[in-house]
Structure formats: structure tokens, C-alpha cells
């Protein structure tokens, strides 16, 4: 049987279905476990680095898309 990682979309669909049917929405229920699996899968696909993450979920690296100075500006790359 092929391996299928839980995606965030899958976990969202499961949570929605459980909530609509009046299922167990507690922290130990199936929907919560599905969300946890989707979060773990999403994190492993999004950041396959060897650096650890802190409690905030952000890595200590400064090479993210929020780095200031990235993108184009009026003065970058122009010759005088």
C-alpha cells in the first residue's frame, strides 16, 4: 500500500466533517490527531533544514522571505 502523508487540506476536511456531524472535537479526538499529523507533514515539507525550531516555530536562520532588503528597489542594479 502506498504511503500517503496527511496534508493540511486533508486535516481541514476531516475537522470540518467531524464538526458538522457532531463528532468528538476534543484535543484527544481524531480531528485533533489529524490536524497534528497535517501540521507535522506540512512542516517537514516546508522546511527540510537541519536547524531546530524554537517555541515560536521560526528557525534561527535569517534566509527567509521576511528578510529585509530582498526584492527589487530603485537603486539596486543600476549603473551610474
N, C-alpha and C. Protein backbone atom coordinates (compact mmCIF):
# COMPACT_ATOMS: atom_id res chain seq x y z
N UNK A 1 0.84 -1.18 0.00
CA UNK A 1 0.00 0.00 0.00
C UNK A 1 0.89 1.24 0.00
N UNK A 2 0.63 2.21 -0.86
CA UNK A 2 1.48 3.40 -0.94
C UNK A 2 1.30 4.28 0.30
N UNK A 3 2.40 4.95 0.65
CA UNK A 3 2.37 5.86 1.79
C UNK A 3 1.69 7.16 1.38
N UNK A 4 0.81 7.66 2.23
CA UNK A 4 0.13 8.92 1.95
C UNK A 4 0.27 9.82 3.17
N UNK A 5 1.02 10.90 3.03
CA UNK A 5 1.17 11.84 4.12
C UNK A 5 -0.09 12.69 4.25
N UNK A 6 -0.46 12.98 5.48
CA UNK A 6 -1.62 13.82 5.75
C UNK A 6 -1.26 15.26 5.39
N UNK A 7 -2.08 15.88 4.58
CA UNK A 7 -1.86 17.28 4.24
C UNK A 7 -2.74 18.16 5.11
N UNK A 8 -2.44 19.45 5.13
CA UNK A 8 -3.27 20.37 5.89
C UNK A 8 -4.69 20.41 5.31
N UNK A 9 -4.80 20.24 4.01
CA UNK A 9 -6.11 20.19 3.37
C UNK A 9 -6.89 18.97 3.85
N UNK A 10 -6.22 17.83 3.95
CA UNK A 10 -6.87 16.61 4.45
C UNK A 10 -7.36 16.82 5.88
N UNK A 11 -6.51 17.39 6.73
CA UNK A 11 -6.90 17.56 8.13
C UNK A 11 -8.04 18.56 8.26
N UNK A 12 -8.05 19.58 7.42
CA UNK A 12 -9.13 20.56 7.44
C UNK A 12 -10.46 19.90 7.06
N UNK A 13 -10.41 19.05 6.05
CA UNK A 13 -11.60 18.35 5.61
C UNK A 13 -12.13 17.42 6.70
N UNK A 14 -11.23 16.74 7.40
CA UNK A 14 -11.62 15.83 8.47
C UNK A 14 -12.24 16.61 9.63
N UNK A 15 -11.61 17.72 10.01
CA UNK A 15 -12.15 18.53 11.10
C UNK A 15 -13.54 19.06 10.76
N UNK A 16 -13.70 19.54 9.54
CA UNK A 16 -15.00 20.06 9.12
C UNK A 16 -16.07 18.98 9.18
N UNK A 17 -15.74 17.80 8.70
CA UNK A 17 -16.68 16.69 8.70
C UNK A 17 -17.06 16.29 10.12
N UNK A 18 -16.06 16.22 11.01
CA UNK A 18 -16.32 15.85 12.41
C UNK A 18 -17.21 16.89 13.09
N UNK A 19 -16.92 18.17 12.84
CA UNK A 19 -17.70 19.24 13.47
C UNK A 19 -19.15 19.24 12.99
N UNK A 20 -19.35 19.04 11.69
CA UNK A 20 -20.70 19.05 11.14
C UNK A 20 -21.54 17.88 11.63
N UNK A 21 -20.88 16.74 11.87
CA UNK A 21 -21.62 15.55 12.30
C UNK A 21 -21.74 15.46 13.81
N UNK A 22 -21.20 16.43 14.53
CA UNK A 22 -21.28 16.41 15.98
C UNK A 22 -20.29 15.45 16.61
N UNK A 23 -19.21 15.18 15.91
CA UNK A 23 -18.19 14.25 16.39
C UNK A 23 -17.35 14.83 17.51
N UNK A 24 -16.41 14.03 17.98
CA UNK A 24 -15.52 14.41 19.08
C UNK A 24 -14.55 15.50 18.61
N UNK A 25 -14.70 16.71 19.16
CA UNK A 25 -13.82 17.83 18.80
C UNK A 25 -12.84 18.15 19.94
N UNK A 26 -12.65 17.20 20.86
CA UNK A 26 -11.73 17.42 21.96
C UNK A 26 -10.29 17.32 21.48
N UNK A 27 -9.37 17.69 22.37
CA UNK A 27 -7.95 17.68 21.99
C UNK A 27 -7.42 16.27 21.78
N UNK A 28 -8.12 15.25 22.26
CA UNK A 28 -7.68 13.88 22.07
C UNK A 28 -8.44 13.16 20.96
N UNK A 29 -9.33 13.85 20.28
CA UNK A 29 -10.15 13.23 19.25
C UNK A 29 -9.41 13.04 17.93
N UNK A 30 -10.09 12.36 17.03
CA UNK A 30 -9.50 12.06 15.73
C UNK A 30 -9.17 13.32 14.93
N UNK A 31 -10.04 14.32 14.97
CA UNK A 31 -9.81 15.55 14.20
C UNK A 31 -8.54 16.25 14.69
N UNK A 32 -8.31 16.27 15.99
CA UNK A 32 -7.11 16.90 16.54
C UNK A 32 -5.87 16.13 16.14
N UNK A 33 -5.93 14.81 16.14
CA UNK A 33 -4.78 14.00 15.73
C UNK A 33 -4.51 14.19 14.24
N UNK A 34 -5.57 14.33 13.44
CA UNK A 34 -5.39 14.57 12.01
C UNK A 34 -4.72 15.93 11.78
N UNK A 35 -5.13 16.95 12.54
CA UNK A 35 -4.52 18.26 12.40
C UNK A 35 -3.05 18.20 12.77
N UNK A 36 -2.73 17.50 13.83
CA UNK A 36 -1.35 17.36 14.25
C UNK A 36 -0.51 16.69 13.17
N UNK A 37 -1.04 15.64 12.57
CA UNK A 37 -0.33 14.94 11.50
C UNK A 37 -0.14 15.85 10.29
N UNK A 38 -1.16 16.61 9.95
CA UNK A 38 -1.05 17.55 8.82
C UNK A 38 -0.03 18.63 9.09
N UNK A 39 0.00 19.13 10.33
CA UNK A 39 0.98 20.15 10.69
C UNK A 39 2.40 19.61 10.62
N UNK A 40 2.60 18.39 11.12
CA UNK A 40 3.93 17.78 11.07
C UNK A 40 4.36 17.55 9.62
N UNK A 41 3.46 17.07 8.80
CA UNK A 41 3.77 16.81 7.39
C UNK A 41 4.07 18.12 6.66
N UNK A 42 3.28 19.15 6.91
CA UNK A 42 3.50 20.45 6.28
C UNK A 42 4.81 21.07 6.70
N UNK A 43 5.16 20.92 7.97
CA UNK A 43 6.41 21.48 8.47
C UNK A 43 7.62 20.75 7.88
N UNK A 44 7.51 19.45 7.72
CA UNK A 44 8.64 18.70 7.18
C UNK A 44 8.83 18.98 5.69
N UNK A 45 7.77 19.30 4.98
CA UNK A 45 7.89 19.61 3.56
C UNK A 45 8.32 21.05 3.34
N UNK A 46 7.91 21.95 4.23
CA UNK A 46 8.20 23.37 4.06
C UNK A 46 9.62 23.73 4.47
N UNK A 47 10.16 23.09 5.48
CA UNK A 47 11.47 23.45 5.99
C UNK A 47 12.32 22.22 6.24
N UNK A 48 12.86 21.62 5.19
CA UNK A 48 13.67 20.43 5.39
C UNK A 48 15.12 20.75 5.80
N UNK A 49 15.30 21.74 6.69
CA UNK A 49 16.63 22.11 7.14
C UNK A 49 16.98 21.32 8.38
N UNK A 50 18.23 21.31 8.74
CA UNK A 50 18.68 20.60 9.93
C UNK A 50 18.65 21.50 11.16
N UNK A 51 18.26 22.76 11.00
CA UNK A 51 18.20 23.66 12.14
C UNK A 51 16.93 23.39 12.93
N UNK A 52 17.04 23.50 14.24
CA UNK A 52 15.88 23.30 15.09
C UNK A 52 15.00 24.54 15.10
N UNK A 53 13.78 24.34 15.55
CA UNK A 53 12.87 25.48 15.68
C UNK A 53 12.60 25.73 17.15
N UNK A 54 12.37 26.96 17.48
CA UNK A 54 12.06 27.33 18.85
C UNK A 54 10.58 27.18 19.12
N UNK A 55 10.15 27.66 20.27
CA UNK A 55 8.74 27.56 20.64
C UNK A 55 7.86 28.35 19.69
N UNK A 56 8.42 29.38 19.07
CA UNK A 56 7.63 30.18 18.16
C UNK A 56 7.42 29.51 16.81
N UNK A 57 8.23 28.49 16.51
CA UNK A 57 8.11 27.80 15.24
C UNK A 57 9.00 28.37 14.16
N UNK A 58 9.76 29.42 14.48
CA UNK A 58 10.63 30.03 13.50
C UNK A 58 12.06 29.52 13.68
N UNK A 59 12.76 29.33 12.59
CA UNK A 59 14.14 28.88 12.68
C UNK A 59 15.05 30.04 13.01
N UNK A 60 16.26 29.74 13.42
CA UNK A 60 17.22 30.78 13.75
C UNK A 60 17.89 31.35 12.51
N UNK A 61 17.59 30.85 11.36
CA UNK A 61 18.20 31.29 10.12
C UNK A 61 17.63 32.64 9.68
N UNK A 62 18.46 33.42 9.01
CA UNK A 62 17.98 34.72 8.51
C UNK A 62 17.76 34.68 7.01
N UNK A 63 17.61 33.49 6.45
CA UNK A 63 17.47 33.38 5.00
C UNK A 63 16.02 33.20 4.56
N UNK A 64 15.08 33.68 5.34
CA UNK A 64 13.67 33.54 4.98
C UNK A 64 13.19 34.64 4.07
N UNK A 65 11.93 34.55 3.69
CA UNK A 65 11.36 35.54 2.78
C UNK A 65 11.06 36.85 3.49
N UNK A 66 11.12 36.87 4.82
CA UNK A 66 10.86 38.10 5.56
C UNK A 66 12.12 38.93 5.76
N UNK A 67 13.20 38.52 5.16
CA UNK A 67 14.46 39.23 5.30
C UNK A 67 14.35 40.60 4.65
N UNK A 68 14.73 41.63 5.37
CA UNK A 68 14.67 42.97 4.79
C UNK A 68 15.74 43.12 3.73
N UNK A 69 15.45 43.89 2.74
CA UNK A 69 16.41 44.11 1.66
C UNK A 69 16.23 43.16 0.49
N UNK A 70 15.31 42.23 0.59
CA UNK A 70 15.09 41.33 -0.54
C UNK A 70 14.10 41.98 -1.50
N UNK A 71 14.12 41.56 -2.70
CA UNK A 71 13.23 42.14 -3.70
C UNK A 71 13.94 43.24 -4.47
N UNK A 72 13.20 43.95 -5.28
CA UNK A 72 13.83 44.96 -6.10
C UNK A 72 13.65 46.34 -5.48
N UNK A 73 14.60 47.19 -5.76
CA UNK A 73 14.48 48.58 -5.33
C UNK A 73 14.95 49.46 -6.48
N UNK A 74 14.71 50.73 -6.37
CA UNK A 74 15.02 51.67 -7.45
C UNK A 74 16.52 51.79 -7.67
N UNK A 75 17.32 51.57 -6.62
CA UNK A 75 18.75 51.80 -6.76
C UNK A 75 19.55 50.52 -6.98
N UNK A 76 18.97 49.36 -6.76
CA UNK A 76 19.76 48.15 -6.90
C UNK A 76 19.95 47.79 -8.37
N UNK A 77 21.17 47.48 -8.71
CA UNK A 77 21.48 47.04 -10.07
C UNK A 77 21.63 48.16 -11.09
N UNK A 78 21.51 49.39 -10.70
CA UNK A 78 21.66 50.47 -11.67
C UNK A 78 23.09 50.96 -11.70
N UNK A 79 23.58 51.32 -12.86
CA UNK A 79 24.94 51.83 -13.01
C UNK A 79 24.89 53.34 -13.19
N UNK A 80 25.91 53.99 -12.67
CA UNK A 80 25.96 55.45 -12.76
C UNK A 80 26.95 55.86 -13.84
